[in-house]
Amino acid sequence: MTTSADGDVPARLYLAIGRLSRSLRRSGSTGMGHGSISALSTLSGAGTLRLGDLAAKEGVAAPTMSRIVAGLVDSGFVNREPDPADRRAWLVTATEEGERVVSSVRSTRMQELSRRLDGLPPADRELLIKSIPVLEALLVGTPEA
């Protein structure tokens, strides 16, 4: 996989994707941390989840997710209520305001990515578009996919 002309492909790809992702996350910053936005986005897409299930989806420990959700509840972005099936567990749901925040953040980030794509030479943009299915194939079998 490594050639002298291409360098270390996995390392370069890892760095490029990671840096692009971080750069886009800074676009339209809401003042909330990445963990809060990510959890709110997951709730927005999934609907109501048990706190433990949200923690598992986000790949964090339950106490960490409890702190994140507490901040989101205090901000009015999430509702938290006891699970009627198990009073020891909590159910969390994004509020309308939380949904608006997710939509706004997503829109701002997509606009920024679109601006960057528009700045590429046409041949590079076409090459990138053709590589999307390959990048999507790398997600197969991952927990996030």
Protein backbone atom coordinates (compact mmCIF):
# COMPACT_ATOMS: atom_id res chain seq x y z
CA MET A 1 0.00 0.00 0.00
CA THR A 2 2.98 2.32 0.51
CA THR A 3 5.01 3.63 -2.40
CA SER A 4 7.69 6.25 -2.50
CA ALA A 5 5.56 8.41 -4.84
CA ASP A 6 2.40 8.21 -2.75
CA GLY A 7 3.86 8.14 0.74
CA ASP A 8 2.01 6.29 3.48
CA VAL A 9 -1.52 6.18 2.02
CA PRO A 10 -3.40 5.11 5.19
CA ALA A 11 -1.66 7.79 7.28
CA ARG A 12 -2.24 10.52 4.70
CA LEU A 13 -5.89 9.55 4.25
CA TYR A 14 -6.43 9.37 8.02
CA LEU A 15 -4.91 12.82 8.53
CA ALA A 16 -6.75 14.41 5.61
CA ILE A 17 -10.17 13.07 6.64
CA GLY A 18 -9.60 13.91 10.30
CA ARG A 19 -8.38 17.43 9.59
CA LEU A 20 -11.22 18.11 7.13
CA SER A 21 -13.75 16.86 9.68
CA ARG A 22 -12.30 19.05 12.46
CA SER A 23 -12.14 22.05 10.16
CA LEU A 24 -15.80 21.64 9.18
CA ARG A 25 -16.82 21.15 12.83
CA ARG A 26 -15.38 24.61 13.56
CA SER A 27 -17.67 26.08 10.87
CA GLY A 28 -20.68 27.75 12.40
CA SER A 29 -19.63 26.91 15.92
CA THR A 30 -22.56 27.02 18.34
CA GLY A 31 -20.43 27.24 21.46
CA MET A 32 -21.33 23.64 22.25
CA GLY A 33 -18.64 20.99 22.26
CA HIS A 34 -18.35 18.29 19.63
CA GLY A 35 -19.75 15.67 22.03
CA SER A 36 -22.89 17.71 22.65
CA ILE A 37 -23.51 18.40 18.96
CA SER A 38 -22.86 14.76 18.10
CA ALA A 39 -25.24 13.46 20.77
CA LEU A 40 -27.91 15.98 19.77
CA SER A 41 -27.49 15.01 16.11
CA THR A 42 -27.83 11.32 16.98
CA LEU A 43 -31.03 12.02 18.92
CA SER A 44 -32.34 14.15 16.09
CA GLY A 45 -31.93 11.26 13.68
CA ALA A 46 -32.89 8.39 15.97
CA GLY A 47 -35.71 9.91 17.98
CA THR A 48 -36.11 8.86 21.60
CA LEU A 49 -33.30 6.73 23.03
CA ARG A 50 -32.39 5.36 26.41
CA LEU A 51 -29.45 7.23 27.86
CA GLY A 52 -27.33 4.06 27.84
CA ASP A 53 -28.16 3.39 24.18
CA LEU A 54 -27.19 6.95 23.26
CA ALA A 55 -23.90 6.52 25.12
CA ALA A 56 -23.24 3.29 23.21
CA LYS A 57 -24.04 4.91 19.84
CA GLU A 58 -21.71 7.79 20.66
CA GLY A 59 -18.97 5.47 21.95
CA VAL A 60 -18.71 7.07 25.38
CA ALA A 61 -19.26 5.88 28.94
CA ALA A 62 -22.71 6.33 30.49
CA PRO A 63 -21.46 8.89 33.09
CA THR A 64 -19.95 10.98 30.27
CA MET A 65 -23.22 10.89 28.35
CA SER A 66 -25.13 11.78 31.52
CA ARG A 67 -23.04 14.97 31.82
CA ILE A 68 -23.53 15.81 28.13
CA VAL A 69 -27.29 15.25 28.33
CA ALA A 70 -27.55 17.29 31.55
CA GLY A 71 -26.03 20.26 29.71
CA LEU A 72 -28.35 19.74 26.74
CA VAL A 73 -31.37 19.55 29.08
CA ASP A 74 -30.26 22.76 30.85
CA SER A 75 -29.98 24.48 27.44
CA GLY A 76 -33.45 23.31 26.40
CA PHE A 77 -32.19 21.15 23.53
CA VAL A 78 -33.14 17.77 25.03
CA ASN A 79 -35.95 16.38 27.19
CA ARG A 80 -35.12 13.64 29.69
CA GLU A 81 -37.72 11.49 31.43
CA PRO A 82 -37.76 8.18 33.28
CA ASP A 83 -38.25 5.10 31.11
CA PRO A 84 -41.72 3.75 32.01
CA ALA A 85 -40.50 0.21 31.29
CA ASP A 86 -37.51 0.57 33.65
CA ARG A 87 -37.58 3.40 36.19
CA ARG A 88 -33.80 3.11 36.65
CA ALA A 89 -33.24 4.18 33.04
CA TRP A 90 -33.78 7.53 31.32
CA LEU A 91 -35.27 8.31 27.91
CA VAL A 92 -33.90 11.32 26.03
CA THR A 93 -35.39 13.15 23.06
CA ALA A 94 -34.30 16.23 21.13
CA THR A 95 -36.62 19.20 21.56
CA GLU A 96 -37.79 21.35 18.64
CA GLU A 97 -35.07 23.86 19.54
CA GLY A 98 -32.52 21.03 19.59
CA GLU A 99 -33.71 19.93 16.15
CA ARG A 100 -33.27 23.51 14.90
CA VAL A 101 -29.72 23.65 16.26
CA VAL A 102 -28.81 20.38 14.50
CA SER A 103 -30.36 21.60 11.26
CA SER A 104 -28.52 24.91 11.46
CA VAL A 105 -25.15 23.33 12.25
CA ARG A 106 -25.57 20.77 9.48
CA SER A 107 -26.57 23.46 6.98
CA THR A 108 -23.62 25.69 7.88
CA ARG A 109 -21.16 22.82 7.59
CA MET A 110 -22.60 21.65 4.26
CA GLN A 111 -22.40 25.22 2.91
CA GLU A 112 -18.75 25.41 3.94
CA LEU A 113 -17.97 22.05 2.36
CA SER A 114 -19.81 23.10 -0.80
CA ARG A 115 -17.78 26.32 -0.92
CA ARG A 116 -14.56 24.34 -0.67
CA LEU A 117 -15.68 21.86 -3.34
CA ASP A 118 -16.59 24.73 -5.65
CA GLY A 119 -13.04 26.06 -5.23
CA LEU A 120 -11.48 22.86 -6.59
CA PRO A 121 -10.45 22.59 -10.22
CA PRO A 122 -13.18 20.72 -12.17
CA ALA A 123 -10.99 17.64 -12.72
CA ASP A 124 -10.22 17.37 -8.98
CA ARG A 125 -13.88 17.86 -8.06
CA GLU A 126 -14.89 15.10 -10.51
CA LEU A 127 -12.22 12.78 -9.11
CA LEU A 128 -13.47 13.43 -5.59
CA ILE A 129 -17.08 12.78 -6.62
CA LYS A 130 -16.08 9.48 -8.19
CA SER A 131 -14.24 8.48 -5.00
CA ILE A 132 -17.31 8.88 -2.75
CA PRO A 133 -18.52 5.26 -3.26
CA VAL A 134 -15.02 4.05 -2.40
CA LEU A 135 -14.99 6.07 0.82
CA GLU A 136 -18.49 4.81 1.65
CA ALA A 137 -17.28 1.24 1.10
CA LEU A 138 -14.66 1.80 3.81
CA LEU A 139 -17.53 2.32 6.28
CA VAL A 140 -19.05 -1.10 5.68
CA GLY A 141 -18.92 -3.15 8.84
CA THR A 142 -18.13 -0.22 11.14
CA PRO A 143 -20.40 0.59 14.10
CA GLU A 144 -21.11 4.07 12.68
CA ALA A 145 -22.34 2.71 9.33
